[in-house]
C-alpha atoms as a PDB file:
ATOM      1  CA  MET A   1     109.518  92.284 117.837  1.00  0.00           C
ATOM      2  CA  GLY A   2     110.650  90.125 115.286  1.00  0.00           C
ATOM      3  CA  VAL A   3     113.203  87.492 114.573  1.00  0.00           C
ATOM      4  CA  ALA A   4     117.120  88.069 114.365  1.00  0.00           C
ATOM      5  CA  VAL A   5     118.516  85.229 112.023  1.00  0.00           C
ATOM      6  CA  ARG A   6     122.039  84.106 113.231  1.00  0.00           C
ATOM      7  CA  PRO A   7     123.420  81.016 111.887  1.00  0.00           C
ATOM      8  CA  ALA A   8     125.281  79.707 114.481  1.00  0.00           C
ATOM      9  CA  VAL A   9     129.476  79.261 114.552  1.00  0.00           C
ATOM     10  CA  CYS A  10     130.771  76.151 114.061  1.00  0.00           C
ATOM     11  CA  VAL A  11     134.041  75.376 115.939  1.00  0.00           C
ATOM     12  CA  GLY A  12     136.175  72.293 116.804  1.00  0.00           C
ATOM     13  CA  ASP A  13     136.005  70.725 113.042  1.00  0.00           C
ATOM     14  CA  ASP A  14     138.944  70.013 111.213  1.00  0.00           C
ATOM     15  CA  HIS A  15     137.451  71.403 107.947  1.00  0.00           C
ATOM     16  CA  HIS A  16     136.275  74.547 109.413  1.00  0.00           C
ATOM     17  CA  ALA A  17     139.519  75.322 111.291  1.00  0.00           C
ATOM     18  CA  GLY A  18     140.597  78.627 110.452  1.00  0.00           C
ATOM     19  CA  ILE A  19     137.897  80.034 108.886  1.00  0.00           C
ATOM     20  CA  GLY A  20     136.696  83.395 109.177  1.00  0.00           C
ATOM     21  CA  GLY A  21     133.502  85.126 108.238  1.00  0.00           C
ATOM     22  CA  GLU A  22     133.485  83.740 104.578  1.00  0.00           C
ATOM     23  CA  PHE A  23     133.801  79.968 103.344  1.00  0.00           C
ATOM     24  CA  VAL A  24     136.559  78.776 101.615  1.00  0.00           C
ATOM     25  CA  GLY A  25     136.702  75.722  99.886  1.00  0.00           C
ATOM     26  CA  ASP A  26     134.198  72.714  99.457  1.00  0.00           C
ATOM     27  CA  LEU A  27     132.656  71.121 102.478  1.00  0.00           C
ATOM     28  CA  PRO A  28     132.832  67.359 102.144  1.00  0.00           C
ATOM     29  CA  ALA A  29     129.523  65.898 100.783  1.00  0.00           C
ATOM     30  CA  SER A  30     128.839  64.036 103.913  1.00  0.00           C
ATOM     31  CA  THR A  31     129.045  67.091 105.989  1.00  0.00           C
ATOM     32  CA  TRP A  32     127.992  70.004 104.145  1.00  0.00           C
ATOM     33  CA  TRP A  33     124.454  69.767 105.403  1.00  0.00           C
ATOM     34  CA  ARG A  34     125.245  70.221 108.720  1.00  0.00           C
ATOM     35  CA  PHE A  35     126.570  73.785 108.034  1.00  0.00           C
ATOM     36  CA  PRO A  36     125.049  74.748 104.739  1.00  0.00           C
ATOM     37  CA  TRP A  37     125.078  78.589 105.376  1.00  0.00           C
ATOM     38  CA  LEU A  38     128.687  78.427 105.313  1.00  0.00           C
ATOM     39  CA  ALA A  39     128.795  77.268 101.502  1.00  0.00           C
ATOM     40  CA  LEU A  40     126.316  80.405 100.830  1.00  0.00           C
ATOM     41  CA  GLY A  41     127.678  83.395 102.685  1.00  0.00           C
ATOM     42  CA  HIS A  42     125.900  85.067 105.640  1.00  0.00           C
ATOM     43  CA  GLY A  43     122.537  86.786 106.063  1.00  0.00           C
ATOM     44  CA  GLU A  44     118.876  85.699 106.088  1.00  0.00           C
ATOM     45  CA  ALA A  45     118.755  84.949 102.622  1.00  0.00           C
ATOM     46  CA  ALA A  46     121.507  82.476 102.664  1.00  0.00           C
ATOM     47  CA  TYR A  47     119.889  81.173 105.698  1.00  0.00           C
ATOM     48  CA  ASP A  48     116.666  80.369 104.248  1.00  0.00           C
ATOM     49  CA  VAL A  49     118.403  78.672 101.387  1.00  0.00           C
ATOM     50  CA  ALA A  50     120.563  76.680 103.538  1.00  0.00           C
ATOM     51  CA  VAL A  51     117.125  75.731 105.462  1.00  0.00           C
ATOM     52  CA  ARG A  52     115.546  74.633 101.961  1.00  0.00           C
ATOM     53  CA  ARG A  53     118.636  72.711 100.985  1.00  0.00           C
ATOM     54  CA  ALA A  54     119.192  70.902 104.143  1.00  0.00           C
ATOM     55  CA  HIS A  55     115.279  69.811 104.644  1.00  0.00           C
ATOM     56  CA  THR A  56     113.951  69.297 101.116  1.00  0.00           C
ATOM     57  CA  GLY A  57     117.374  68.445  99.368  1.00  0.00           C
ATOM     58  CA  SER A  58     116.700  71.078  96.667  1.00  0.00           C
ATOM     59  CA  MET A  59     115.690  74.602  96.153  1.00  0.00           C
ATOM     60  CA  ALA A  60     112.012  73.874  96.952  1.00  0.00           C
ATOM     61  CA  LEU A  61     110.095  76.624  98.133  1.00  0.00           C
ATOM     62  CA  MET A  62     110.024  77.039 102.204  1.00  0.00           C
ATOM     63  CA  SER A  63     107.480  75.000 103.875  1.00  0.00           C
ATOM     64  CA  ASP A  64     103.714  76.715 104.388  1.00  0.00           C
ATOM     65  CA  LYS A  65     104.287  75.464 107.720  1.00  0.00           C
ATOM     66  CA  LEU A  66     107.594  76.527 108.439  1.00  0.00           C
ATOM     67  CA  ALA A  67     106.777  80.131 107.071  1.00  0.00           C
ATOM     68  CA  ARG A  68     103.734  79.937 109.476  1.00  0.00           C
ATOM     69  CA  LEU A  69     105.454  78.915 112.440  1.00  0.00           C
ATOM     70  CA  ARG A  70     107.732  81.878 111.899  1.00  0.00           C
ATOM     71  CA  ALA A  71     105.497  84.343 111.634  1.00  0.00           C
ATOM     72  CA  SER A  72     103.809  83.349 115.067  1.00  0.00           C
ATOM     73  CA  ILE A  73     106.931  83.272 116.737  1.00  0.00           C
ATOM     74  CA  GLU A  74     108.373  86.788 115.036  1.00  0.00           C
ATOM     75  CA  LYS A  75     105.223  88.373 117.344  1.00  0.00           C
ATOM     76  CA  LEU A  76     107.381  86.994 120.401  1.00  0.00           C
ATOM     77  CA  PRO A  77     109.718  90.089 121.442  1.00  0.00           C
ATOM     78  CA  GLU A  78     113.663  88.880 121.600  1.00  0.00           C
ATOM     79  CA  THR A  79     113.525  85.682 119.703  1.00  0.00           C
ATOM     80  CA  SER A  80     115.990  84.649 117.672  1.00  0.00           C
ATOM     81  CA  GLU A  81     116.137  81.687 115.094  1.00  0.00           C
ATOM     82  CA  LYS A  82     119.580  79.358 114.451  1.00  0.00           C
ATOM     83  CA  LEU A  83     120.035  76.526 112.513  1.00  0.00           C
ATOM     84  CA  SER A  84     120.802  73.714 115.282  1.00  0.00           C
ATOM     85  CA  HIS A  85     121.201  70.080 114.362  1.00  0.00           C
ATOM     86  CA  GLY A  86     120.373  70.975 110.727  1.00  0.00           C
ATOM     87  CA  ALA A  87     116.817  72.456 111.973  1.00  0.00           C
ATOM     88  CA  PRO A  88     115.442  75.651 112.391  1.00  0.00           C
ATOM     89  CA  THR A  89     115.656  76.535 116.269  1.00  0.00           C
ATOM     90  CA  TRP A  90     114.265  79.537 117.731  1.00  0.00           C
ATOM     91  CA  TRP A  91     115.404  80.853 120.876  1.00  0.00           C
ATOM     92  CA  GLY A  92     113.992  83.514 123.895  1.00  0.00           C
ATOM     93  CA  GLY A  93     117.326  84.551 125.554  1.00  0.00           C
ATOM     94  CA  LYS A  94     119.855  82.355 125.668  1.00  0.00           C
ATOM     95  CA  LYS A  95     117.543  79.195 125.794  1.00  0.00           C
ATOM     96  CA  THR A  96     115.349  77.093 123.091  1.00  0.00           C
ATOM     97  CA  PHE A  97     111.529  77.030 123.346  1.00  0.00           C
ATOM     98  CA  ALA A  98     111.026  75.433 119.701  1.00  0.00           C
ATOM     99  CA  THR A  99     112.515  73.559 116.865  1.00  0.00           C
ATOM    100  CA  TYR A 100     110.682  72.260 113.288  1.00  0.00           C
ATOM    101  CA  HIS A 101     111.680  69.076 111.974  1.00  0.00           C
ATOM    102  CA  SER A 102     110.937  68.365 108.089  1.00  0.00           C
ATOM    103  CA  GLY A 103     110.048  64.628 108.972  1.00  0.00           C
ATOM    104  CA  SER A 104     113.449  63.063 109.771  1.00  0.00           C
ATOM    105  CA  TYR A 105     111.908  62.482 113.310  1.00  0.00           C
ATOM    106  CA  ASP A 106     108.609  61.127 112.826  1.00  0.00           C
ATOM    107  CA  GLU A 107     107.962  59.096 109.908  1.00  0.00           C
ATOM    108  CA  GLY A 108     108.488  61.617 107.306  1.00  0.00           C
ATOM    109  CA  ARG A 109     105.862  64.119 109.063  1.00  0.00           C
ATOM    110  CA  GLU A 110     106.729  67.678 109.496  1.00  0.00           C
ATOM    111  CA  GLY A 111     106.592  68.585 113.242  1.00  0.00           C
ATOM    112  CA  VAL A 112     107.499  71.113 115.950  1.00  0.00           C
ATOM    113  CA  TRP A 113     109.024  70.340 118.922  1.00  0.00           C
ATOM    114  CA  ILE A 114     107.802  72.759 121.809  1.00  0.00           C
ATOM    115  CA  LYS A 115     109.050  73.211 125.293  1.00  0.00           C
ATOM    116  CA  ALA A 116     105.947  72.687 127.650  1.00  0.00           C
ATOM    117  CA  PRO A 117     105.237  72.957 131.291  1.00  0.00           C
ATOM    118  CA  GLU A 118     105.350  70.005 133.233  1.00  0.00           C
ATOM    119  CA  GLY A 119     102.883  67.801 133.186  1.00  0.00           C
ATOM    120  CA  VAL A 120     101.680  69.089 129.796  1.00  0.00           C
ATOM    121  CA  GLN A 121     103.072  66.703 127.182  1.00  0.00           C
ATOM    122  CA  GLU A 122     101.683  63.321 129.334  1.00  0.00           C
ATOM    123  CA  THR A 123      98.181  65.463 128.888  1.00  0.00           C
ATOM    124  CA  LEU A 124      98.455  66.085 125.400  1.00  0.00           C
ATOM    125  CA  VAL A 125      99.745  62.818 124.245  1.00  0.00           C
ATOM    126  CA  SER A 126      97.554  60.711 125.820  1.00  0.00           C
ATOM    127  CA  GLY A 127      94.748  63.173 124.615  1.00  0.00           C
ATOM    128  CA  ASP A 128      95.601  62.832 121.075  1.00  0.00           C
ATOM    129  CA  PRO A 129      98.253  60.719 120.375  1.00  0.00           C
ATOM    130  CA  ARG A 130      97.510  61.392 116.719  1.00  0.00           C
ATOM    131  CA  ARG A 131      98.652  64.745 116.840  1.00  0.00           C
ATOM    132  CA  PHE A 132     101.113  64.705 119.786  1.00  0.00           C
ATOM    133  CA  TYR A 133     104.079  62.674 120.676  1.00  0.00           C
ATOM    134  CA  ARG A 134     107.326  62.544 122.579  1.00  0.00           C
ATOM    135  CA  PRO A 135     109.761  63.792 120.680  1.00  0.00           C
ATOM    136  CA  LYS A 136     113.556  61.983 120.863  1.00  0.00           C
ATOM    137  CA  TYR A 137     115.737  63.685 122.902  1.00  0.00           C
ATOM    138  CA  LEU A 138     113.785  66.517 124.359  1.00  0.00           C
ATOM    139  CA  GLY A 139     110.738  64.375 125.378  1.00  0.00           C
ATOM    140  CA  PRO A 140     112.565  63.346 128.418  1.00  0.00           C
ATOM    141  CA  ALA A 141     112.690  66.717 129.338  1.00  0.00           C
ATOM    142  CA  GLY A 142     109.037  67.559 128.894  1.00  0.00           C
ATOM    143  CA  TRP A 143     108.889  68.771 125.456  1.00  0.00           C
ATOM    144  CA  ILE A 144     105.859  68.443 123.120  1.00  0.00           C
ATOM    145  CA  GLY A 145     105.896  66.931 119.608  1.00  0.00           C
ATOM    146  CA  VAL A 146     103.230  68.625 117.688  1.00  0.00           C
ATOM    147  CA  ARG A 147     102.588  66.820 113.984  1.00  0.00           C
ATOM    148  CA  LEU A 148     101.959  69.518 111.548  1.00  0.00           C
ATOM    149  CA  ASP A 149     100.004  67.466 108.873  1.00  0.00           C
ATOM    150  CA  GLY A 150      96.209  67.057 108.323  1.00  0.00           C
ATOM    151  CA  ASP A 151      94.034  69.831 109.922  1.00  0.00           C
ATOM    152  CA  THR A 152      96.680  71.700 112.264  1.00  0.00           C
ATOM    153  CA  ASP A 153      95.171  73.535 115.144  1.00  0.00           C
ATOM    154  CA  TRP A 154      97.497  76.678 114.902  1.00  0.00           C
ATOM    155  CA  GLY A 155      95.623  78.250 117.468  1.00  0.00           C
ATOM    156  CA  GLN A 156      96.569  75.668 120.021  1.00  0.00           C
ATOM    157  CA  VAL A 157     100.156  75.581 118.314  1.00  0.00           C
ATOM    158  CA  GLU A 158     100.450  79.334 119.116  1.00  0.00           C
ATOM    159  CA  LEU A 159      99.021  78.883 122.259  1.00  0.00           C
ATOM    160  CA  LEU A 160     101.930  76.252 123.132  1.00  0.00           C
ATOM    161  CA  LEU A 161     104.671  78.555 121.658  1.00  0.00           C
ATOM    162  CA  VAL A 162     103.594  81.113 123.624  1.00  0.00           C
ATOM    163  CA  GLU A 163     103.564  79.175 126.659  1.00  0.00           C
ATOM    164  CA  GLY A 164     107.007  77.435 125.728  1.00  0.00           C
ATOM    165  CA  TYR A 165     108.550  80.882 124.996  1.00  0.00           C
ATOM    166  CA  ARG A 166     107.511  82.102 128.818  1.00  0.00           C
ATOM    167  CA  LEU A 167     109.759  79.260 130.094  1.00  0.00           C
ATOM    168  CA  VAL A 168     112.913  80.298 128.708  1.00  0.00           C
ATOM    169  CA  ALA A 169     112.337  84.025 127.984  1.00  0.00           C
ATOM    170  CA  PRO A 170     114.421  86.862 129.799  1.00  0.00           C
ATOM    171  CA  LYS A 171     111.863  88.978 132.463  1.00  0.00           C
ATOM    172  CA  ARG A 172     112.372  92.124 130.171  1.00  0.00           C
ATOM    173  CA  ALA A 173     111.039  90.463 127.172  1.00  0.00           C
ATOM    174  CA  LEU A 174     108.267  88.947 129.572  1.00  0.00           C
ATOM    175  CA  LYS A 175     107.433  92.413 130.521  1.00  0.00           C
ATOM    176  CA  LYS A 176     107.194  93.247 126.679  1.00  0.00           C
ATOM    177  CA  LEU A 177     104.865  90.612 125.848  1.00  0.00           C
ATOM    178  CA  ASP A 178     102.553  91.294 128.782  1.00  0.00           C
ATOM    179  CA  GLY A 179     102.447  95.023 127.389  1.00  0.00           C
ATOM    180  CA  GLU A 180     104.211  96.464 130.552  1.00  0.00           C
ATOM    181  CA  VAL A 181     106.933  98.035 128.660  1.00  0.00           C
ATOM    182  CA  GLU A 182     106.924  99.695 125.469  1.00  0.00           C
END
């Protein structure tokens, strides 16, 4: 079990055309943040640096909350992490189930967007609107936004992550999660 870090591949942009495995030249300042790992090389270390730069504008230490999310998700079988739309995003098989945001979508507050079963979003948002919200773009599909400021209930976050993962994970991964396969 664990998270396989693989930066997404960019295709179709003129300034990336013809780039193989290594970055060549400088990206325009207006677009480097979308594909920061290209300027840093490949691999987990470059990815972590890219995430820190993209979300903080500096080499500041990675958020403790992001580290805690990663630790929770790496317990799940067959997950991977990719930078998607400038944010760390986790996949179970070929579909996403969680995305971390450093605050750009919620008035500067850190949060995680998690795929949720039908009806969960409405129940959580109406029950505690200070902690839960309907995230932009994915909210209409039932995803739940969880604010990670203040006293975060990490047990609840982990439960939501597992439920979101169960909605997208391949059957063989679910068997591993449930202990049916070694």
